């Protein structure tokens, strides 16, 4: 099934609903959930995605390295949460 990282029941239900709409299912997906940016901008960023004005995210390699976080990978999915983490 891949790697579903610490999704709660609501997030897992969301993921399963999303994949049910796909003709081709992701093979070995890596799925995370979290807030986009920080609390100050999370809701604004989420709204841009929901309105279709933003369809992808990006980040600088140096930011990942400074934060000691792994770089994004192919077949990695991110469920974006609001500032209340819902």
PDB file of N, CA and C in Angstrom:
ATOM      1  N   UNK A   1       0.821  -1.201   0.000  1.00  0.00           N
ATOM      2  CA  UNK A   1       0.000   0.000   0.000  1.00  0.00           C
ATOM      3  C   UNK A   1       0.855   1.251   0.000  1.00  0.00           C
ATOM      4  N   UNK A   2       2.095   1.172   0.293  1.00  0.00           N
ATOM      5  CA  UNK A   2       2.930   2.362   0.358  1.00  0.00           C
ATOM      6  C   UNK A   2       3.131   2.784   1.791  1.00  0.00           C
ATOM      7  N   UNK A   3       3.374   4.050   1.969  1.00  0.00           N
ATOM      8  CA  UNK A   3       3.661   4.565   3.306  1.00  0.00           C
ATOM      9  C   UNK A   3       2.663   5.673   3.623  1.00  0.00           C
ATOM     10  N   UNK A   4       1.748   5.376   4.522  1.00  0.00           N
ATOM     11  CA  UNK A   4       0.769   6.360   4.973  1.00  0.00           C
ATOM     12  C   UNK A   4       1.239   6.799   6.354  1.00  0.00           C
ATOM     13  N   UNK A   5       1.750   8.025   6.445  1.00  0.00           N
ATOM     14  CA  UNK A   5       2.440   8.486   7.648  1.00  0.00           C
ATOM     15  C   UNK A   5       1.524   9.175   8.643  1.00  0.00           C
ATOM     16  N   UNK A   6       1.155   8.431   9.673  1.00  0.00           N
ATOM     17  CA  UNK A   6       0.437   8.997  10.819  1.00  0.00           C
ATOM     18  C   UNK A   6      -0.827   9.762  10.443  1.00  0.00           C
ATOM     19  N   UNK A   7      -1.588   9.266   9.468  1.00  0.00           N
ATOM     20  CA  UNK A   7      -2.849   9.918   9.145  1.00  0.00           C
ATOM     21  C   UNK A   7      -3.885   9.521  10.181  1.00  0.00           C
ATOM     22  N   UNK A   8      -4.692  10.500  10.602  1.00  0.00           N
ATOM     23  CA  UNK A   8      -5.790  10.151  11.498  1.00  0.00           C
ATOM     24  C   UNK A   8      -6.932   9.580  10.656  1.00  0.00           C
ATOM     25  N   UNK A   9      -8.000   9.152  11.289  1.00  0.00           N
ATOM     26  CA  UNK A   9      -9.105   8.510  10.560  1.00  0.00           C
ATOM     27  C   UNK A   9      -9.716   9.416   9.506  1.00  0.00           C
ATOM     28  N   UNK A  10      -9.891  10.695   9.836  1.00  0.00           N
ATOM     29  CA  UNK A  10     -10.485  11.646   8.893  1.00  0.00           C
ATOM     30  C   UNK A  10      -9.574  11.835   7.671  1.00  0.00           C
ATOM     31  N   UNK A  11      -8.279  11.958   7.902  1.00  0.00           N
ATOM     32  CA  UNK A  11      -7.329  12.129   6.802  1.00  0.00           C
ATOM     33  C   UNK A  11      -7.244  10.870   5.941  1.00  0.00           C
ATOM     34  N   UNK A  12      -7.268   9.709   6.574  1.00  0.00           N
ATOM     35  CA  UNK A  12      -7.235   8.452   5.840  1.00  0.00           C
ATOM     36  C   UNK A  12      -8.497   8.278   4.995  1.00  0.00           C
ATOM     37  N   UNK A  13      -9.637   8.661   5.540  1.00  0.00           N
ATOM     38  CA  UNK A  13     -10.886   8.631   4.775  1.00  0.00           C
ATOM     39  C   UNK A  13     -10.799   9.560   3.577  1.00  0.00           C
ATOM     40  N   UNK A  14     -10.249  10.762   3.788  1.00  0.00           N
ATOM     41  CA  UNK A  14     -10.062  11.714   2.693  1.00  0.00           C
ATOM     42  C   UNK A  14      -9.169  11.110   1.611  1.00  0.00           C
ATOM     43  N   UNK A  15      -8.035  10.518   2.009  1.00  0.00           N
ATOM     44  CA  UNK A  15      -7.110   9.908   1.063  1.00  0.00           C
ATOM     45  C   UNK A  15      -7.801   8.793   0.268  1.00  0.00           C
ATOM     46  N   UNK A  16      -8.521   7.938   0.966  1.00  0.00           N
ATOM     47  CA  UNK A  16      -9.204   6.832   0.291  1.00  0.00           C
ATOM     48  C   UNK A  16     -10.281   7.337  -0.662  1.00  0.00           C
ATOM     49  N   UNK A  17     -10.984   8.402  -0.294  1.00  0.00           N
ATOM     50  CA  UNK A  17     -11.984   9.012  -1.184  1.00  0.00           C
ATOM     51  C   UNK A  17     -11.316   9.582  -2.429  1.00  0.00           C
ATOM     52  N   UNK A  18     -10.174  10.230  -2.238  1.00  0.00           N
ATOM     53  CA  UNK A  18      -9.428  10.785  -3.372  1.00  0.00           C
ATOM     54  C   UNK A  18      -8.978   9.680  -4.321  1.00  0.00           C
ATOM     55  N   UNK A  19      -8.346   8.648  -3.788  1.00  0.00           N
ATOM     56  CA  UNK A  19      -7.826   7.597  -4.666  1.00  0.00           C
ATOM     57  C   UNK A  19      -8.946   6.820  -5.355  1.00  0.00           C
ATOM     58  N   UNK A  20     -10.133   6.789  -4.761  1.00  0.00           N
ATOM     59  CA  UNK A  20     -11.272   6.122  -5.391  1.00  0.00           C
ATOM     60  C   UNK A  20     -11.689   6.821  -6.684  1.00  0.00           C
ATOM     61  N   UNK A  21     -11.341   8.096  -6.834  1.00  0.00           N
ATOM     62  CA  UNK A  21     -11.714   8.848  -8.046  1.00  0.00           C
ATOM     63  C   UNK A  21     -10.712   8.665  -9.181  1.00  0.00           C
ATOM     64  N   UNK A  22      -9.584   8.047  -8.907  1.00  0.00           N
ATOM     65  CA  UNK A  22      -8.514   7.924  -9.890  1.00  0.00           C
ATOM     66  C   UNK A  22      -8.666   6.668 -10.744  1.00  0.00           C
ATOM     67  N   UNK A  23      -8.414   6.821 -12.041  1.00  0.00           N
ATOM     68  CA  UNK A  23      -8.400   5.669 -12.936  1.00  0.00           C
ATOM     69  C   UNK A  23      -7.187   4.806 -12.637  1.00  0.00           C
ATOM     70  N   UNK A  24      -6.042   5.449 -12.479  1.00  0.00           N
ATOM     71  CA  UNK A  24      -4.811   4.737 -12.121  1.00  0.00           C
ATOM     72  C   UNK A  24      -4.449   5.092 -10.689  1.00  0.00           C
ATOM     73  N   UNK A  25      -4.409   4.099  -9.857  1.00  0.00           N
ATOM     74  CA  UNK A  25      -4.095   4.311  -8.441  1.00  0.00           C
ATOM     75  C   UNK A  25      -2.591   4.504  -8.254  1.00  0.00           C
ATOM     76  N   UNK A  26      -2.178   5.344  -7.319  1.00  0.00           N
ATOM     77  CA  UNK A  26      -0.755   5.508  -7.027  1.00  0.00           C
ATOM     78  C   UNK A  26      -0.154   4.184  -6.542  1.00  0.00           C
ATOM     79  N   UNK A  27       1.032   3.887  -7.029  1.00  0.00           N
ATOM     80  CA  UNK A  27       1.734   2.683  -6.602  1.00  0.00           C
ATOM     81  C   UNK A  27       2.707   3.068  -5.499  1.00  0.00           C
ATOM     82  N   UNK A  28       2.567   2.435  -4.362  1.00  0.00           N
ATOM     83  CA  UNK A  28       3.424   2.716  -3.202  1.00  0.00           C
ATOM     84  C   UNK A  28       3.499   4.208  -2.864  1.00  0.00           C
ATOM     85  N   UNK A  29       2.346   4.847  -2.656  1.00  0.00           N
ATOM     86  CA  UNK A  29       2.367   6.281  -2.343  1.00  0.00           C
ATOM     87  C   UNK A  29       2.970   6.550  -0.972  1.00  0.00           C
ATOM     88  N   UNK A  30       3.530   7.730  -0.850  1.00  0.00           N
ATOM     89  CA  UNK A  30       4.031   8.233   0.429  1.00  0.00           C
ATOM     90  C   UNK A  30       3.115   9.406   0.770  1.00  0.00           C
ATOM     91  N   UNK A  31       2.324   9.265   1.813  1.00  0.00           N
ATOM     92  CA  UNK A  31       1.287  10.256   2.115  1.00  0.00           C
ATOM     93  C   UNK A  31       1.539  10.887   3.480  1.00  0.00           C
ATOM     94  N   UNK A  32       1.564  12.202   3.493  1.00  0.00           N
ATOM     95  CA  UNK A  32       1.739  12.986   4.712  1.00  0.00           C
ATOM     96  C   UNK A  32       0.551  13.932   4.857  1.00  0.00           C
ATOM     97  N   UNK A  33       0.355  14.440   6.031  1.00  0.00           N
ATOM     98  CA  UNK A  33      -0.597  15.530   6.227  1.00  0.00           C
ATOM     99  C   UNK A  33       0.091  16.593   7.059  1.00  0.00           C
ATOM    100  N   UNK A  34      -0.285  17.830   6.837  1.00  0.00           N
ATOM    101  CA  UNK A  34       0.296  18.912   7.611  1.00  0.00           C
ATOM    102  C   UNK A  34      -0.155  20.262   7.106  1.00  0.00           C
ATOM    103  N   UNK A  35       0.226  21.262   7.824  1.00  0.00           N
ATOM    104  CA  UNK A  35      -0.106  22.640   7.509  1.00  0.00           C
ATOM    105  C   UNK A  35       0.860  23.161   6.446  1.00  0.00           C
ATOM    106  N   UNK A  36       0.335  23.944   5.516  1.00  0.00           N
ATOM    107  CA  UNK A  36       1.169  24.581   4.497  1.00  0.00           C
ATOM    108  C   UNK A  36       1.729  25.870   5.077  1.00  0.00           C
ATOM    109  N   UNK A  37       3.026  26.023   5.064  1.00  0.00           N
ATOM    110  CA  UNK A  37       3.643  27.229   5.608  1.00  0.00           C
ATOM    111  C   UNK A  37       3.566  27.237   7.126  1.00  0.00           C
ATOM    112  N   UNK A  38       3.177  28.365   7.660  1.00  0.00           N
ATOM    113  CA  UNK A  38       3.045  28.503   9.115  1.00  0.00           C
ATOM    114  C   UNK A  38       1.618  28.919   9.445  1.00  0.00           C
ATOM    115  N   UNK A  39       1.308  29.006  10.731  1.00  0.00           N
ATOM    116  CA  UNK A  39      -0.062  29.333  11.131  1.00  0.00           C
ATOM    117  C   UNK A  39      -0.569  30.636  10.519  1.00  0.00           C
ATOM    118  N   UNK A  40       0.317  31.582  10.335  1.00  0.00           N
ATOM    119  CA  UNK A  40      -0.072  32.894   9.820  1.00  0.00           C
ATOM    120  C   UNK A  40      -0.591  32.818   8.383  1.00  0.00           C
ATOM    121  N   UNK A  41      -0.008  31.943   7.568  1.00  0.00           N
ATOM    122  CA  UNK A  41      -0.387  31.901   6.152  1.00  0.00           C
ATOM    123  C   UNK A  41      -1.095  30.606   5.736  1.00  0.00           C
ATOM    124  N   UNK A  42      -1.239  29.656   6.649  1.00  0.00           N
ATOM    125  CA  UNK A  42      -1.783  28.336   6.303  1.00  0.00           C
ATOM    126  C   UNK A  42      -3.175  28.411   5.676  1.00  0.00           C
ATOM    127  N   UNK A  43      -4.077  29.162   6.274  1.00  0.00           N
ATOM    128  CA  UNK A  43      -5.445  29.232   5.771  1.00  0.00           C
ATOM    129  C   UNK A  43      -5.502  29.899   4.397  1.00  0.00           C
ATOM    130  N   UNK A  44      -4.675  30.924   4.213  1.00  0.00           N
ATOM    131  CA  UNK A  44      -4.631  31.615   2.917  1.00  0.00           C
ATOM    132  C   UNK A  44      -4.106  30.679   1.828  1.00  0.00           C
ATOM    133  N   UNK A  45      -3.042  29.942   2.124  1.00  0.00           N
ATOM    134  CA  UNK A  45      -2.513  28.990   1.150  1.00  0.00           C
ATOM    135  C   UNK A  45      -3.525  27.903   0.829  1.00  0.00           C
ATOM    136  N   UNK A  46      -4.169  27.362   1.850  1.00  0.00           N
ATOM    137  CA  UNK A  46      -5.166  26.326   1.637  1.00  0.00           C
ATOM    138  C   UNK A  46      -6.294  26.840   0.749  1.00  0.00           C
ATOM    139  N   UNK A  47      -6.726  28.058   0.982  1.00  0.00           N
ATOM    140  CA  UNK A  47      -7.815  28.626   0.179  1.00  0.00           C
ATOM    141  C   UNK A  47      -7.400  28.763  -1.284  1.00  0.00           C
ATOM    142  N   UNK A  48      -6.138  29.101  -1.547  1.00  0.00           N
ATOM    143  CA  UNK A  48      -5.662  29.183  -2.932  1.00  0.00           C
ATOM    144  C   UNK A  48      -5.752  27.827  -3.621  1.00  0.00           C
ATOM    145  N   UNK A  49      -5.420  26.757  -2.903  1.00  0.00           N
ATOM    146  CA  UNK A  49      -5.557  25.404  -3.458  1.00  0.00           C
ATOM    147  C   UNK A  49      -7.027  25.075  -3.703  1.00  0.00           C
ATOM    148  N   UNK A  50      -7.876  25.346  -2.725  1.00  0.00           N
ATOM    149  CA  UNK A  50      -9.293  25.011  -2.846  1.00  0.00           C
ATOM    150  C   UNK A  50      -9.969  25.783  -3.970  1.00  0.00           C
ATOM    151  N   UNK A  51      -9.521  27.017  -4.220  1.00  0.00           N
ATOM    152  CA  UNK A  51     -10.078  27.839  -5.298  1.00  0.00           C
ATOM    153  C   UNK A  51      -9.491  27.496  -6.657  1.00  0.00           C
ATOM    154  N   UNK A  52      -8.495  26.604  -6.689  1.00  0.00           N
ATOM    155  CA  UNK A  52      -7.871  26.227  -7.954  1.00  0.00           C
ATOM    156  C   UNK A  52      -6.852  27.230  -8.457  1.00  0.00           C
ATOM    157  N   UNK A  53      -6.527  28.242  -7.652  1.00  0.00           N
ATOM    158  CA  UNK A  53      -5.536  29.233  -8.058  1.00  0.00           C
ATOM    159  C   UNK A  53      -4.117  28.734  -7.836  1.00  0.00           C
ATOM    160  N   UNK A  54      -3.969  27.731  -6.996  1.00  0.00           N
ATOM    161  CA  UNK A  54      -2.664  27.118  -6.725  1.00  0.00           C
ATOM    162  C   UNK A  54      -2.852  25.621  -6.885  1.00  0.00           C
ATOM    163  N   UNK A  55      -1.983  24.996  -7.662  1.00  0.00           N
ATOM    164  CA  UNK A  55      -2.146  23.564  -7.914  1.00  0.00           C
ATOM    165  C   UNK A  55      -0.927  22.746  -7.502  1.00  0.00           C
ATOM    166  N   UNK A  56       0.133  23.393  -7.118  1.00  0.00           N
ATOM    167  CA  UNK A  56       1.345  22.681  -6.703  1.00  0.00           C
ATOM    168  C   UNK A  56       2.129  23.559  -5.742  1.00  0.00           C
ATOM    169  N   UNK A  57       2.967  22.906  -4.955  1.00  0.00           N
ATOM    170  CA  UNK A  57       3.829  23.635  -4.025  1.00  0.00           C
ATOM    171  C   UNK A  57       5.279  23.375  -4.372  1.00  0.00           C
ATOM    172  N   UNK A  58       6.126  24.176  -3.815  1.00  0.00           N
ATOM    173  CA  UNK A  58       7.560  23.989  -4.038  1.00  0.00           C
ATOM    174  C   UNK A  58       8.312  24.500  -2.820  1.00  0.00           C
ATOM    175  N   UNK A  59       9.573  24.140  -2.748  1.00  0.00           N
ATOM    176  CA  UNK A  59      10.408  24.604  -1.651  1.00  0.00           C
ATOM    177  C   UNK A  59      11.856  24.631  -2.083  1.00  0.00           C
ATOM    178  N   UNK A  60      12.651  25.390  -1.390  1.00  0.00           N
ATOM    179  CA  UNK A  60      14.072  25.470  -1.690  1.00  0.00           C
ATOM    180  C   UNK A  60      14.826  24.351  -0.982  1.00  0.00           C
ATOM    181  N   UNK A  61      15.757  23.759  -1.683  1.00  0.00           N
ATOM    182  CA  UNK A  61      16.551  22.675  -1.124  1.00  0.00           C
ATOM    183  C   UNK A  61      17.253  23.122   0.159  1.00  0.00           C
ATOM    184  N   UNK A  62      17.775  24.347   0.158  1.00  0.00           N
ATOM    185  CA  UNK A  62      18.490  24.831   1.340  1.00  0.00           C
ATOM    186  C   UNK A  62      17.577  24.909   2.556  1.00  0.00           C
ATOM    187  N   UNK A  63      16.279  25.201   2.341  1.00  0.00           N
ATOM    188  CA  UNK A  63      15.339  25.243   3.462  1.00  0.00           C
ATOM    189  C   UNK A  63      15.130  23.858   4.068  1.00  0.00           C
ATOM    190  N   UNK A  64      15.035  22.845   3.197  1.00  0.00           N
ATOM    191  CA  UNK A  64      14.904  21.461   3.695  1.00  0.00           C
ATOM    192  C   UNK A  64      16.147  21.072   4.478  1.00  0.00           C
ATOM    193  N   UNK A  65      17.302  21.416   3.938  1.00  0.00           N
ATOM    194  CA  UNK A  65      18.555  21.053   4.594  1.00  0.00           C
ATOM    195  C   UNK A  65      18.710  21.769   5.934  1.00  0.00           C
ATOM    196  N   UNK A  66      18.381  23.063   5.973  1.00  0.00           N
ATOM    197  CA  UNK A  66      18.483  23.823   7.215  1.00  0.00           C
ATOM    198  C   UNK A  66      17.525  23.298   8.282  1.00  0.00           C
ATOM    199  N   UNK A  67      16.361  22.826   7.850  1.00  0.00           N
ATOM    200  CA  UNK A  67      15.366  22.305   8.787  1.00  0.00           C
ATOM    201  C   UNK A  67      15.600  20.825   9.094  1.00  0.00           C
ATOM    202  N   UNK A  68      16.633  20.265   8.461  1.00  0.00           N
ATOM    203  CA  UNK A  68      16.957  18.847   8.633  1.00  0.00           C
ATOM    204  C   UNK A  68      15.753  17.958   8.292  1.00  0.00           C
ATOM    205  N   UNK A  69      15.071  18.319   7.199  1.00  0.00           N
ATOM    206  CA  UNK A  69      13.919  17.566   6.724  1.00  0.00           C
ATOM    207  C   UNK A  69      14.273  16.872   5.426  1.00  0.00           C
ATOM    208  N   UNK A  70      13.698  15.707   5.174  1.00  0.00           N
ATOM    209  CA  UNK A  70      13.991  15.009   3.917  1.00  0.00           C
ATOM    210  C   UNK A  70      13.420  15.769   2.718  1.00  0.00           C
ATOM    211  N   UNK A  71      14.084  15.648   1.583  1.00  0.00           N
ATOM    212  CA  UNK A  71      13.594  16.261   0.353  1.00  0.00           C
ATOM    213  C   UNK A  71      12.353  15.513  -0.137  1.00  0.00           C
ATOM    214  N   UNK A  72      11.435  16.219  -0.797  1.00  0.00           N
ATOM    215  CA  UNK A  72      10.272  15.541  -1.371  1.00  0.00           C
ATOM    216  C   UNK A  72      10.713  14.475  -2.375  1.00  0.00           C
ATOM    217  N   UNK A  73       9.856  13.472  -2.548  1.00  0.00           N
ATOM    218  CA  UNK A  73      10.151  12.366  -3.449  1.00  0.00           C
ATOM    219  C   UNK A  73       9.038  12.200  -4.472  1.00  0.00           C
ATOM    220  N   UNK A  74       9.363  11.513  -5.547  1.00  0.00           N
ATOM    221  CA  UNK A  74       8.356  11.127  -6.522  1.00  0.00           C
ATOM    222  C   UNK A  74       7.351  10.230  -5.813  1.00  0.00           C
ATOM    223  N   UNK A  75       6.091  10.391  -6.145  1.00  0.00           N
ATOM    224  CA  UNK A  75       5.005   9.588  -5.586  1.00  0.00           C
ATOM    225  C   UNK A  75       4.689   9.959  -4.134  1.00  0.00           C
ATOM    226  N   UNK A  76       5.063  11.172  -3.748  1.00  0.00           N
ATOM    227  CA  UNK A  76       4.768  11.669  -2.407  1.00  0.00           C
ATOM    228  C   UNK A  76       3.564  12.594  -2.495  1.00  0.00           C
ATOM    229  N   UNK A  77       2.628  12.412  -1.602  1.00  0.00           N
ATOM    230  CA  UNK A  77       1.408  13.208  -1.569  1.00  0.00           C
ATOM    231  C   UNK A  77       1.305  13.886  -0.211  1.00  0.00           C
ATOM    232  N   UNK A  78       0.668  15.049  -0.213  1.00  0.00           N
ATOM    233  CA  UNK A  78       0.552  15.837   1.001  1.00  0.00           C
ATOM    234  C   UNK A  78      -0.886  16.305   1.147  1.00  0.00           C
ATOM    235  N   UNK A  79      -1.520  15.915   2.217  1.00  0.00           N
ATOM    236  CA  UNK A  79      -2.861  16.405   2.536  1.00  0.00           C
ATOM    237  C   UNK A  79      -2.671  17.680   3.348  1.00  0.00           C
ATOM    238  N   UNK A  80      -3.122  18.791   2.775  1.00  0.00           N
ATOM    239  CA  UNK A  80      -2.886  20.091   3.397  1.00  0.00           C
ATOM    240  C   UNK A  80      -3.980  20.382   4.416  1.00  0.00           C
ATOM    241  N   UNK A  81      -3.568  20.740   5.607  1.00  0.00           N
ATOM    242  CA  UNK A  81      -4.476  21.068   6.699  1.00  0.00           C
ATOM    243  C   UNK A  81      -4.495  22.573   6.926  1.00  0.00           C
ATOM    244  N   UNK A  82      -5.559  23.058   7.570  1.00  0.00           N
ATOM    245  CA  UNK A  82      -5.638  24.475   7.890  1.00  0.00           C
ATOM    246  C   UNK A  82      -4.839  24.774   9.159  1.00  0.00           C
ATOM    247  N   UNK A  83      -4.907  26.013   9.622  1.00  0.00           N
ATOM    248  CA  UNK A  83      -4.108  26.419  10.788  1.00  0.00           C
ATOM    249  C   UNK A  83      -4.558  25.723  12.078  1.00  0.00           C
ATOM    250  N   UNK A  84      -5.767  25.158  12.064  1.00  0.00           N
ATOM    251  CA  UNK A  84      -6.254  24.405  13.230  1.00  0.00           C
ATOM    252  C   UNK A  84      -5.931  22.921  13.084  1.00  0.00           C
ATOM    253  N   UNK A  85      -5.181  22.573  12.020  1.00  0.00           N
ATOM    254  CA  UNK A  85      -4.799  21.199  11.707  1.00  0.00           C
ATOM    255  C   UNK A  85      -6.017  20.297  11.480  1.00  0.00           C
ATOM    256  N   UNK A  86      -7.021  20.870  10.784  1.00  0.00           N
ATOM    257  CA  UNK A  86      -8.212  20.089  10.428  1.00  0.00           C
ATOM    258  C   UNK A  86      -8.387  20.041   8.923  1.00  0.00           C
TER     259      UNK A  86
END
